[in-house]
Amino acid sequence: MEFKTLKNTSVEELLSVFNLSFSDYIVPFHLTKEVLISKINSEKIDLNLSVGAFESGQLVGFILNAEKTEDPHRIIYNAGTGVVPESRGKGLVRKMYDFILPILKDRKVDTLILEVIDGNKPAIRAYENLGFTVVRRLLCFNGNINVQQTDSDIVIKELEEVQWENLRAFWDIEPSWQGSVFVLEDMRKDCIVLGAYKDGKLAGYAFYNPVAKKIYQIAVDKDHRRQGIATRLFEAIKEKNNGETVSLNNVDEVSESTFHFLSERIGLKNWVSQFEMKRII
């Protein structure tokens, strides 16, 4: 068994192993080449910092890593780990981390983060054995938006410019990696940012990808909550996508009001949940 970075691995080989690795996953899914390329680009995956396990020259396992600097920290995000079924039980995930950690330490990386489905007990135990600890639980929602016409005094406009320093003031909770400013800045061209205005003032916004049908961020100004702002934004998204299914992932479970709003007011279903895990190195 040989371990090396994925810098010389083709997208086609990675795609084949990715799909085989997740074919019997707790939530099975299958990627196309285009979707995998989009994932690599949007999540800032760096194949030079990602690692593969190779048996007789063939890729049988991988860890896809992305990196960002957030003063004073340098963070690595595990955007996907997989091992083909016939190569499991050989400790390959630990061995891949053993290979890549010295490289990451040389880059002054000090934090590793990842997400794992909360029902995947073997994976959770494996990551705990590698020194990761659970830092929060994230809820994933999907479904059809089920809202009726709301307050007409709330005006929806597409934002041409995204001024993050202003939008951050609406947050109560830091977004996970996929909804972070670091990731969304480069996705701006593929997304619609809707602003909700009350009495001429921006009171809320939603960051929505109409092709992927994903809502990456939605937030309301603290002084305008419980005034129908978020409901109006969801209504606008429903109009944009003709009522098709949407997803909103990685909502921090500490916000019980958000859970009830999404499930009871908007009609979305919490179909799966994940643990965000972290390791300091």
C-alpha atoms as a PDB file:
ATOM      1  CA  MET A   1       0.000   0.000   0.000  1.00  0.00           C
ATOM      2  CA  GLU A   2       1.342   3.417  -0.998  1.00  0.00           C
ATOM      3  CA  PHE A   3       0.209   6.813   0.291  1.00  0.00           C
ATOM      4  CA  LYS A   4       0.670  10.048  -1.627  1.00  0.00           C
ATOM      5  CA  THR A   5      -1.096  13.280  -2.452  1.00  0.00           C
ATOM      6  CA  LEU A   6      -3.739  13.385  -5.173  1.00  0.00           C
ATOM      7  CA  LYS A   7      -2.023  16.059  -7.267  1.00  0.00           C
ATOM      8  CA  ASN A   8      -1.420  13.602 -10.129  1.00  0.00           C
ATOM      9  CA  THR A   9      -4.730  11.753  -9.818  1.00  0.00           C
ATOM     10  CA  SER A  10      -7.251  12.339 -12.596  1.00  0.00           C
ATOM     11  CA  VAL A  11     -10.780  13.506 -11.878  1.00  0.00           C
ATOM     12  CA  GLU A  12     -12.051  10.388 -13.652  1.00  0.00           C
ATOM     13  CA  GLU A  13     -10.169   8.026 -11.305  1.00  0.00           C
ATOM     14  CA  LEU A  14     -11.201  10.017  -8.245  1.00  0.00           C
ATOM     15  CA  LEU A  15     -14.829  10.017  -9.399  1.00  0.00           C
ATOM     16  CA  SER A  16     -14.881   6.242  -9.832  1.00  0.00           C
ATOM     17  CA  VAL A  17     -13.423   5.618  -6.372  1.00  0.00           C
ATOM     18  CA  PHE A  18     -15.592   8.315  -4.772  1.00  0.00           C
ATOM     19  CA  ASN A  19     -18.811   6.766  -6.089  1.00  0.00           C
ATOM     20  CA  LEU A  20     -17.742   3.227  -5.190  1.00  0.00           C
ATOM     21  CA  SER A  21     -16.799   4.338  -1.669  1.00  0.00           C
ATOM     22  CA  PHE A  22     -20.179   5.965  -1.068  1.00  0.00           C
ATOM     23  CA  SER A  23     -22.322   3.360  -2.855  1.00  0.00           C
ATOM     24  CA  ASP A  24     -23.225   1.677   0.462  1.00  0.00           C
ATOM     25  CA  TYR A  25     -22.964   4.780   2.665  1.00  0.00           C
ATOM     26  CA  ILE A  26     -25.573   5.519   5.331  1.00  0.00           C
ATOM     27  CA  VAL A  27     -26.897   8.123   2.882  1.00  0.00           C
ATOM     28  CA  PRO A  28     -25.918   6.684  -0.536  1.00  0.00           C
ATOM     29  CA  PHE A  29     -25.205   9.161  -3.310  1.00  0.00           C
ATOM     30  CA  HIS A  30     -23.634   9.245  -6.738  1.00  0.00           C
ATOM     31  CA  LEU A  31     -21.762  12.140  -8.321  1.00  0.00           C
ATOM     32  CA  THR A  32     -21.307  12.998 -11.967  1.00  0.00           C
ATOM     33  CA  LYS A  33     -17.961  14.283 -13.217  1.00  0.00           C
ATOM     34  CA  GLU A  34     -19.419  17.783 -13.469  1.00  0.00           C
ATOM     35  CA  VAL A  35     -20.724  17.695  -9.888  1.00  0.00           C
ATOM     36  CA  LEU A  36     -17.380  16.440  -8.552  1.00  0.00           C
ATOM     37  CA  ILE A  37     -15.524  19.205 -10.381  1.00  0.00           C
ATOM     38  CA  SER A  38     -18.011  21.703  -8.965  1.00  0.00           C
ATOM     39  CA  LYS A  39     -17.452  20.295  -5.464  1.00  0.00           C
ATOM     40  CA  ILE A  40     -13.674  20.567  -5.827  1.00  0.00           C
ATOM     41  CA  ASN A  41     -13.937  24.161  -7.018  1.00  0.00           C
ATOM     42  CA  SER A  42     -16.677  25.420  -4.707  1.00  0.00           C
ATOM     43  CA  GLU A  43     -15.344  23.831  -1.524  1.00  0.00           C
ATOM     44  CA  LYS A  44     -11.783  24.937  -2.355  1.00  0.00           C
ATOM     45  CA  ILE A  45     -10.429  21.378  -2.324  1.00  0.00           C
ATOM     46  CA  ASP A  46      -6.676  21.288  -2.917  1.00  0.00           C
ATOM     47  CA  LEU A  47      -5.524  17.996  -4.432  1.00  0.00           C
ATOM     48  CA  ASN A  48      -1.950  18.890  -3.456  1.00  0.00           C
ATOM     49  CA  LEU A  49      -3.041  18.695   0.188  1.00  0.00           C
ATOM     50  CA  SER A  50      -5.390  15.758  -0.287  1.00  0.00           C
ATOM     51  CA  VAL A  51      -4.198  12.186   0.188  1.00  0.00           C
ATOM     52  CA  GLY A  52      -4.842   8.869  -1.496  1.00  0.00           C
ATOM     53  CA  ALA A  53      -4.189   5.243  -0.608  1.00  0.00           C
ATOM     54  CA  PHE A  54      -2.962   3.268  -3.614  1.00  0.00           C
ATOM     55  CA  GLU A  55      -2.836  -0.504  -3.931  1.00  0.00           C
ATOM     56  CA  SER A  56      -0.864  -1.851  -6.894  1.00  0.00           C
ATOM     57  CA  GLY A  57      -1.031   1.648  -8.348  1.00  0.00           C
ATOM     58  CA  GLN A  58      -4.819   1.869  -8.060  1.00  0.00           C
ATOM     59  CA  LEU A  59      -6.566   4.425  -5.870  1.00  0.00           C
ATOM     60  CA  VAL A  60      -8.592   2.666  -3.145  1.00  0.00           C
ATOM     61  CA  GLY A  61      -9.074   5.430  -0.563  1.00  0.00           C
ATOM     62  CA  PHE A  62      -8.897   9.214  -0.275  1.00  0.00           C
ATOM     63  CA  ILE A  63      -9.203  12.246   1.975  1.00  0.00           C
ATOM     64  CA  LEU A  64     -10.140  15.468   0.177  1.00  0.00           C
ATOM     65  CA  ASN A  65      -8.749  18.504   1.980  1.00  0.00           C
ATOM     66  CA  ALA A  66      -9.341  22.235   1.630  1.00  0.00           C
ATOM     67  CA  GLU A  67      -7.376  24.969   3.384  1.00  0.00           C
ATOM     68  CA  LYS A  68      -8.029  28.476   4.590  1.00  0.00           C
ATOM     69  CA  THR A  69      -6.219  30.990   6.745  1.00  0.00           C
ATOM     70  CA  GLU A  70      -8.272  32.679   9.442  1.00  0.00           C
ATOM     71  CA  ASP A  71      -5.902  34.724  11.583  1.00  0.00           C
ATOM     72  CA  PRO A  72      -4.266  33.489  13.632  1.00  0.00           C
ATOM     73  CA  HIS A  73      -5.294  29.991  12.486  1.00  0.00           C
ATOM     74  CA  ARG A  74      -4.629  27.894   9.407  1.00  0.00           C
ATOM     75  CA  ILE A  75      -7.485  25.428   8.985  1.00  0.00           C
ATOM     76  CA  ILE A  76      -7.875  22.223   6.976  1.00  0.00           C
ATOM     77  CA  TYR A  77     -11.388  21.042   6.130  1.00  0.00           C
ATOM     78  CA  ASN A  78     -11.967  17.395   5.276  1.00  0.00           C
ATOM     79  CA  ALA A  79     -14.459  17.674   2.411  1.00  0.00           C
ATOM     80  CA  GLY A  80     -14.793  13.914   1.983  1.00  0.00           C
ATOM     81  CA  THR A  81     -13.211  10.652   3.076  1.00  0.00           C
ATOM     82  CA  GLY A  82     -13.813   7.350   1.335  1.00  0.00           C
ATOM     83  CA  VAL A  83     -12.448   3.826   1.100  1.00  0.00           C
ATOM     84  CA  VAL A  84     -13.695   1.266  -1.422  1.00  0.00           C
ATOM     85  CA  PRO A  85     -15.526  -1.645   0.263  1.00  0.00           C
ATOM     86  CA  GLU A  86     -12.894  -4.321  -0.454  1.00  0.00           C
ATOM     87  CA  SER A  87     -10.130  -2.230   1.170  1.00  0.00           C
ATOM     88  CA  ARG A  88     -11.883  -1.464   4.449  1.00  0.00           C
ATOM     89  CA  GLY A  89     -10.739  -2.823   7.780  1.00  0.00           C
ATOM     90  CA  LYS A  90      -7.085  -2.032   7.067  1.00  0.00           C
ATOM     91  CA  GLY A  91      -6.901   1.237   9.002  1.00  0.00           C
ATOM     92  CA  LEU A  92      -6.469   3.262   5.823  1.00  0.00           C
ATOM     93  CA  VAL A  93      -8.043   6.443   7.180  1.00  0.00           C
ATOM     94  CA  ARG A  94      -5.556   6.562  10.052  1.00  0.00           C
ATOM     95  CA  LYS A  95      -2.692   5.736   7.702  1.00  0.00           C
ATOM     96  CA  MET A  96      -3.740   8.506   5.307  1.00  0.00           C
ATOM     97  CA  TYR A  97      -3.796  10.979   8.181  1.00  0.00           C
ATOM     98  CA  ASP A  98      -0.412   9.686   9.356  1.00  0.00           C
ATOM     99  CA  PHE A  99       0.905  10.484   5.869  1.00  0.00           C
ATOM    100  CA  ILE A 100      -0.608  13.938   5.439  1.00  0.00           C
ATOM    101  CA  LEU A 101      -0.228  15.355   8.958  1.00  0.00           C
ATOM    102  CA  PRO A 102       3.530  16.061   8.690  1.00  0.00           C
ATOM    103  CA  ILE A 103       2.865  17.915   5.419  1.00  0.00           C
ATOM    104  CA  LEU A 104       0.129  19.964   7.076  1.00  0.00           C
ATOM    105  CA  LYS A 105       2.279  20.724  10.113  1.00  0.00           C
ATOM    106  CA  ASP A 106       5.012  22.001   7.800  1.00  0.00           C
ATOM    107  CA  ARG A 107       2.425  24.448   6.433  1.00  0.00           C
ATOM    108  CA  LYS A 108       1.694  25.614   9.999  1.00  0.00           C
ATOM    109  CA  VAL A 109      -1.815  24.149   9.958  1.00  0.00           C
ATOM    110  CA  ASP A 110      -3.184  24.075  13.501  1.00  0.00           C
ATOM    111  CA  THR A 111      -6.829  23.025  13.112  1.00  0.00           C
ATOM    112  CA  LEU A 112      -8.597  20.146  11.348  1.00  0.00           C
ATOM    113  CA  ILE A 113     -12.369  20.118  10.887  1.00  0.00           C
ATOM    114  CA  LEU A 114     -14.829  17.743   9.271  1.00  0.00           C
ATOM    115  CA  GLU A 115     -18.474  16.701   9.287  1.00  0.00           C
ATOM    116  CA  VAL A 116     -19.865  13.214   9.841  1.00  0.00           C
ATOM    117  CA  ILE A 117     -23.462  11.976   9.821  1.00  0.00           C
ATOM    118  CA  ASP A 118     -24.578  11.524  13.417  1.00  0.00           C
ATOM    119  CA  GLY A 119     -25.804   7.975  12.783  1.00  0.00           C
ATOM    120  CA  ASN A 120     -22.450   6.845  11.397  1.00  0.00           C
ATOM    121  CA  LYS A 121     -21.088   5.461  14.680  1.00  0.00           C
ATOM    122  CA  PRO A 122     -18.075   3.617  13.195  1.00  0.00           C
ATOM    123  CA  ALA A 123     -16.866   6.807  11.497  1.00  0.00           C
ATOM    124  CA  ILE A 124     -17.436   8.887  14.633  1.00  0.00           C
ATOM    125  CA  ARG A 125     -15.431   6.415  16.729  1.00  0.00           C
ATOM    126  CA  ALA A 126     -12.669   6.355  14.111  1.00  0.00           C
ATOM    127  CA  TYR A 127     -12.372  10.134  14.132  1.00  0.00           C
ATOM    128  CA  GLU A 128     -12.480  10.252  17.928  1.00  0.00           C
ATOM    129  CA  ASN A 129      -9.605   7.747  17.965  1.00  0.00           C
ATOM    130  CA  LEU A 130      -7.732  10.156  15.678  1.00  0.00           C
ATOM    131  CA  GLY A 131      -8.160  12.957  18.203  1.00  0.00           C
ATOM    132  CA  PHE A 132     -11.252  14.699  16.827  1.00  0.00           C
ATOM    133  CA  THR A 133     -13.981  15.906  19.175  1.00  0.00           C
ATOM    134  CA  VAL A 134     -17.563  16.911  18.443  1.00  0.00           C
ATOM    135  CA  VAL A 135     -18.038  20.688  18.587  1.00  0.00           C
ATOM    136  CA  ARG A 136     -21.639  21.019  17.392  1.00  0.00           C
ATOM    137  CA  ARG A 137     -24.547  19.257  15.711  1.00  0.00           C
ATOM    138  CA  LEU A 138     -25.738  20.532  12.343  1.00  0.00           C
ATOM    139  CA  LEU A 139     -29.197  19.938  10.893  1.00  0.00           C
ATOM    140  CA  CYS A 140     -29.835  19.438   7.174  1.00  0.00           C
ATOM    141  CA  PHE A 141     -33.226  20.335   5.702  1.00  0.00           C
ATOM    142  CA  ASN A 142     -34.900  19.763   2.356  1.00  0.00           C
ATOM    143  CA  GLY A 143     -38.347  19.803   0.814  1.00  0.00           C
ATOM    144  CA  ASN A 144     -40.792  22.099  -0.915  1.00  0.00           C
ATOM    145  CA  ILE A 145     -41.279  25.566   0.500  1.00  0.00           C
ATOM    146  CA  ASN A 146     -44.847  25.770   1.754  1.00  0.00           C
ATOM    147  CA  VAL A 147     -45.692  29.393   2.491  1.00  0.00           C
ATOM    148  CA  GLN A 148     -48.482  31.687   1.406  1.00  0.00           C
ATOM    149  CA  GLN A 149     -48.179  35.311   0.332  1.00  0.00           C
ATOM    150  CA  THR A 150     -46.943  37.435   3.206  1.00  0.00           C
ATOM    151  CA  ASP A 151     -46.478  41.100   4.137  1.00  0.00           C
ATOM    152  CA  SER A 152     -46.405  43.157   0.935  1.00  0.00           C
ATOM    153  CA  ASP A 153     -44.571  45.929   2.817  1.00  0.00           C
ATOM    154  CA  ILE A 154     -41.446  43.734   2.681  1.00  0.00           C
ATOM    155  CA  VAL A 155     -39.728  44.383  -0.652  1.00  0.00           C
ATOM    156  CA  ILE A 156     -37.393  41.777  -2.167  1.00  0.00           C
ATOM    157  CA  LYS A 157     -34.513  42.897  -4.374  1.00  0.00           C
ATOM    158  CA  GLU A 158     -31.478  41.097  -5.741  1.00  0.00           C
ATOM    159  CA  LEU A 159     -28.300  42.468  -4.209  1.00  0.00           C
ATOM    160  CA  GLU A 160     -25.745  43.437  -6.837  1.00  0.00           C
ATOM    161  CA  GLU A 161     -22.979  43.841  -4.279  1.00  0.00           C
ATOM    162  CA  VAL A 162     -22.437  41.668  -1.193  1.00  0.00           C
ATOM    163  CA  GLN A 163     -21.052  43.678   1.690  1.00  0.00           C
ATOM    164  CA  TRP A 164     -20.130  40.958   4.130  1.00  0.00           C
ATOM    165  CA  GLU A 165     -19.171  43.349   6.893  1.00  0.00           C
ATOM    166  CA  ASN A 166     -22.833  44.461   7.008  1.00  0.00           C
ATOM    167  CA  LEU A 167     -24.376  41.024   6.534  1.00  0.00           C
ATOM    168  CA  ARG A 168     -22.249  39.481   9.286  1.00  0.00           C
ATOM    169  CA  ALA A 169     -24.047  41.721  11.774  1.00  0.00           C
ATOM    170  CA  PHE A 170     -27.204  39.672  11.115  1.00  0.00           C
ATOM    171  CA  TRP A 171     -25.575  36.425  12.260  1.00  0.00           C
ATOM    172  CA  ASP A 172     -26.015  34.676  15.591  1.00  0.00           C
ATOM    173  CA  ILE A 173     -23.980  31.620  14.600  1.00  0.00           C
ATOM    174  CA  GLU A 174     -20.878  31.145  12.475  1.00  0.00           C
ATOM    175  CA  PRO A 175     -21.697  29.225   9.254  1.00  0.00           C
ATOM    176  CA  SER A 176     -20.092  25.859   8.598  1.00  0.00           C
ATOM    177  CA  TRP A 177     -17.455  25.493   5.877  1.00  0.00           C
ATOM    178  CA  GLN A 178     -19.856  25.133   2.943  1.00  0.00           C
ATOM    179  CA  GLY A 179     -21.745  28.270   3.920  1.00  0.00           C
ATOM    180  CA  SER A 180     -18.714  30.308   4.928  1.00  0.00           C
ATOM    181  CA  VAL A 181     -17.773  33.614   3.351  1.00  0.00           C
ATOM    182  CA  PHE A 182     -14.497  32.004   2.257  1.00  0.00           C
ATOM    183  CA  VAL A 183     -16.441  29.540   0.083  1.00  0.00           C
ATOM    184  CA  LEU A 184     -19.334  31.761  -0.994  1.00  0.00           C
ATOM    185  CA  GLU A 185     -17.175  34.594  -2.293  1.00  0.00           C
ATOM    186  CA  ASP A 186     -16.145  32.453  -5.263  1.00  0.00           C
ATOM    187  CA  MET A 187     -19.684  31.097  -5.744  1.00  0.00           C
ATOM    188  CA  ARG A 188     -21.207  34.546  -6.114  1.00  0.00           C
ATOM    189  CA  LYS A 189     -21.481  34.242  -9.909  1.00  0.00           C
ATOM    190  CA  ASP A 190     -23.593  31.084  -9.576  1.00  0.00           C
ATOM    191  CA  CYS A 191     -25.884  32.400  -6.874  1.00  0.00           C
ATOM    192  CA  ILE A 192     -28.671  34.885  -6.306  1.00  0.00           C
ATOM    193  CA  VAL A 193     -28.470  37.049  -3.200  1.00  0.00           C
ATOM    194  CA  LEU A 194     -31.918  38.281  -2.235  1.00  0.00           C
ATOM    195  CA  GLY A 195     -32.314  41.237   0.082  1.00  0.00           C
ATOM    196  CA  ALA A 196     -35.486  41.866   2.096  1.00  0.00           C
ATOM    197  CA  TYR A 197     -36.197  45.539   2.734  1.00  0.00           C
ATOM    198  CA  LYS A 198     -38.519  46.939   5.405  1.00  0.00           C
ATOM    199  CA  ASP A 199     -39.208  50.673   5.299  1.00  0.00           C
ATOM    200  CA  GLY A 200     -36.315  51.052   2.873  1.00  0.00           C
ATOM    201  CA  LYS A 201     -33.797  49.328   5.154  1.00  0.00           C
ATOM    202  CA  LEU A 202     -32.123  45.975   4.471  1.00  0.00           C
ATOM    203  CA  ALA A 203     -33.618  43.681   7.106  1.00  0.00           C
ATOM    204  CA  GLY A 204     -32.619  40.224   5.887  1.00  0.00           C
ATOM    205  CA  TYR A 205     -30.999  38.314   3.057  1.00  0.00           C
ATOM    206  CA  ALA A 206     -30.707  34.856   1.485  1.00  0.00           C
ATOM    207  CA  PHE A 207     -27.817  33.383  -0.506  1.00  0.00           C
ATOM    208  CA  TYR A 208     -29.336  30.928  -2.998  1.00  0.00           C
ATOM    209  CA  ASN A 209     -27.973  28.772  -5.827  1.00  0.00           C
ATOM    210  CA  PRO A 210     -30.814  28.267  -8.360  1.00  0.00           C
ATOM    211  CA  VAL A 211     -29.036  25.466 -10.260  1.00  0.00           C
ATOM    212  CA  ALA A 212     -28.100  23.382  -7.196  1.00  0.00           C
ATOM    213  CA  LYS A 213     -31.331  24.544  -5.498  1.00  0.00           C
ATOM    214  CA  LYS A 214     -29.399  25.153  -2.291  1.00  0.00           C
ATOM    215  CA  ILE A 215     -29.817  27.913   0.246  1.00  0.00           C
ATOM    216  CA  TYR A 216     -26.360  28.568   1.681  1.00  0.00           C
ATOM    217  CA  GLN A 217     -27.209  31.396   4.038  1.00  0.00           C
ATOM    218  CA  ILE A 218     -30.326  33.140   5.310  1.00  0.00           C
ATOM    219  CA  ALA A 219     -30.287  35.703   8.098  1.00  0.00           C
ATOM    220  CA  VAL A 220     -32.436  38.488   9.508  1.00  0.00           C
ATOM    221  CA  ASP A 221     -31.344  41.683  11.261  1.00  0.00           C
ATOM    222  CA  LYS A 222     -31.795  41.335  15.017  1.00  0.00           C
ATOM    223  CA  ASP A 223     -34.073  44.385  15.125  1.00  0.00           C
ATOM    224  CA  HIS A 224     -36.438  42.963  12.487  1.00  0.00           C
ATOM    225  CA  ARG A 225     -37.072  39.423  13.665  1.00  0.00           C
ATOM    226  CA  ARG A 226     -40.561  37.950  13.998  1.00  0.00           C
ATOM    227  CA  GLN A 227     -41.799  40.401  11.401  1.00  0.00           C
ATOM    228  CA  GLY A 228     -42.124  37.979   8.485  1.00  0.00           C
ATOM    229  CA  ILE A 229     -38.774  38.832   6.901  1.00  0.00           C
ATOM    230  CA  ALA A 230     -37.457  35.251   6.622  1.00  0.00           C
ATOM    231  CA  THR A 231     -40.842  33.979   5.486  1.00  0.00           C
ATOM    232  CA  ARG A 232     -40.890  36.582   2.718  1.00  0.00           C
ATOM    233  CA  LEU A 233     -37.390  35.520   1.618  1.00  0.00           C
ATOM    234  CA  PHE A 234     -38.481  31.878   1.394  1.00  0.00           C
ATOM    235  CA  GLU A 235     -41.534  32.951  -0.571  1.00  0.00           C
ATOM    236  CA  ALA A 236     -39.247  34.776  -3.019  1.00  0.00           C
ATOM    237  CA  ILE A 237     -37.038  31.674  -3.386  1.00  0.00           C
ATOM    238  CA  LYS A 238     -40.153  29.599  -4.049  1.00  0.00           C
ATOM    239  CA  GLU A 239     -41.095  32.016  -6.825  1.00  0.00           C
ATOM    240  CA  LYS A 240     -37.573  31.826  -8.274  1.00  0.00           C
ATOM    241  CA  ASN A 241     -37.503  28.023  -8.464  1.00  0.00           C
ATOM    242  CA  ASN A 242     -41.156  27.428  -9.381  1.00  0.00           C
ATOM    243  CA  GLY A 243     -41.835  25.563  -6.157  1.00  0.00           C
ATOM    244  CA  GLU A 244     -39.214  22.851  -6.673  1.00  0.00           C
ATOM    245  CA  THR A 245     -37.430  21.107  -3.803  1.00  0.00           C
ATOM    246  CA  VAL A 246     -34.704  23.086  -2.050  1.00  0.00           C
ATOM    247  CA  SER A 247     -32.090  22.204   0.538  1.00  0.00           C
ATOM    248  CA  LEU A 248     -30.607  24.119   3.445  1.00  0.00           C
ATOM    249  CA  ASN A 249     -27.754  22.321   5.178  1.00  0.00           C
ATOM    250  CA  ASN A 250     -25.772  22.632   8.384  1.00  0.00           C
ATOM    251  CA  VAL A 251     -28.108  24.668  10.569  1.00  0.00           C
ATOM    252  CA  ASP A 252     -26.675  24.770  14.090  1.00  0.00           C
ATOM    253  CA  GLU A 253     -29.098  22.892  16.352  1.00  0.00           C
ATOM    254  CA  VAL A 254     -28.612  25.364  19.227  1.00  0.00           C
ATOM    255  CA  SER A 255     -31.123  27.616  17.474  1.00  0.00           C
ATOM    256  CA  GLU A 256     -34.357  25.854  18.385  1.00  0.00           C
ATOM    257  CA  SER A 257     -36.405  28.718  16.968  1.00  0.00           C
ATOM    258  CA  THR A 258     -34.782  28.186  13.556  1.00  0.00           C
ATOM    259  CA  PHE A 259     -35.601  24.465  13.648  1.00  0.00           C
ATOM    260  CA  HIS A 260     -39.269  25.143  14.419  1.00  0.00           C
ATOM    261  CA  PHE A 261     -39.462  27.925  11.843  1.00  0.00           C
ATOM    262  CA  LEU A 262     -38.023  25.783   9.033  1.00  0.00           C
ATOM    263  CA  SER A 263     -40.057  22.684   9.864  1.00  0.00           C
ATOM    264  CA  GLU A 264     -43.376  24.204  10.954  1.00  0.00           C
ATOM    265  CA  ARG A 265     -43.563  27.533   9.149  1.00  0.00           C
ATOM    266  CA  ILE A 266     -41.698  26.782   5.922  1.00  0.00           C
ATOM    267  CA  GLY A 267     -42.468  23.062   5.603  1.00  0.00           C
ATOM    268  CA  LEU A 268     -38.941  21.713   5.238  1.00  0.00           C
ATOM    269  CA  LYS A 269     -37.859  18.387   6.723  1.00  0.00           C
ATOM    270  CA  ASN A 270     -34.789  17.755   8.881  1.00  0.00           C
ATOM    271  CA  TRP A 271     -33.859  14.689   6.866  1.00  0.00           C
ATOM    272  CA  VAL A 272     -30.379  14.099   8.283  1.00  0.00           C
ATOM    273  CA  SER A 273     -28.012  15.645  10.842  1.00  0.00           C
ATOM    274  CA  GLN A 274     -24.247  15.862  11.103  1.00  0.00           C
ATOM    275  CA  PHE A 275     -21.638  16.372  13.770  1.00  0.00           C
ATOM    276  CA  GLU A 276     -18.977  18.963  13.119  1.00  0.00           C
ATOM    277  CA  MET A 277     -15.744  17.628  14.583  1.00  0.00           C
ATOM    278  CA  LYS A 278     -12.447  19.373  15.251  1.00  0.00           C
ATOM    279  CA  ARG A 279      -8.876  18.446  16.076  1.00  0.00           C
ATOM    280  CA  ILE A 280      -6.116  20.813  17.143  1.00  0.00           C
ATOM    281  CA  ILE A 281      -2.640  19.762  15.916  1.00  0.00           C
END
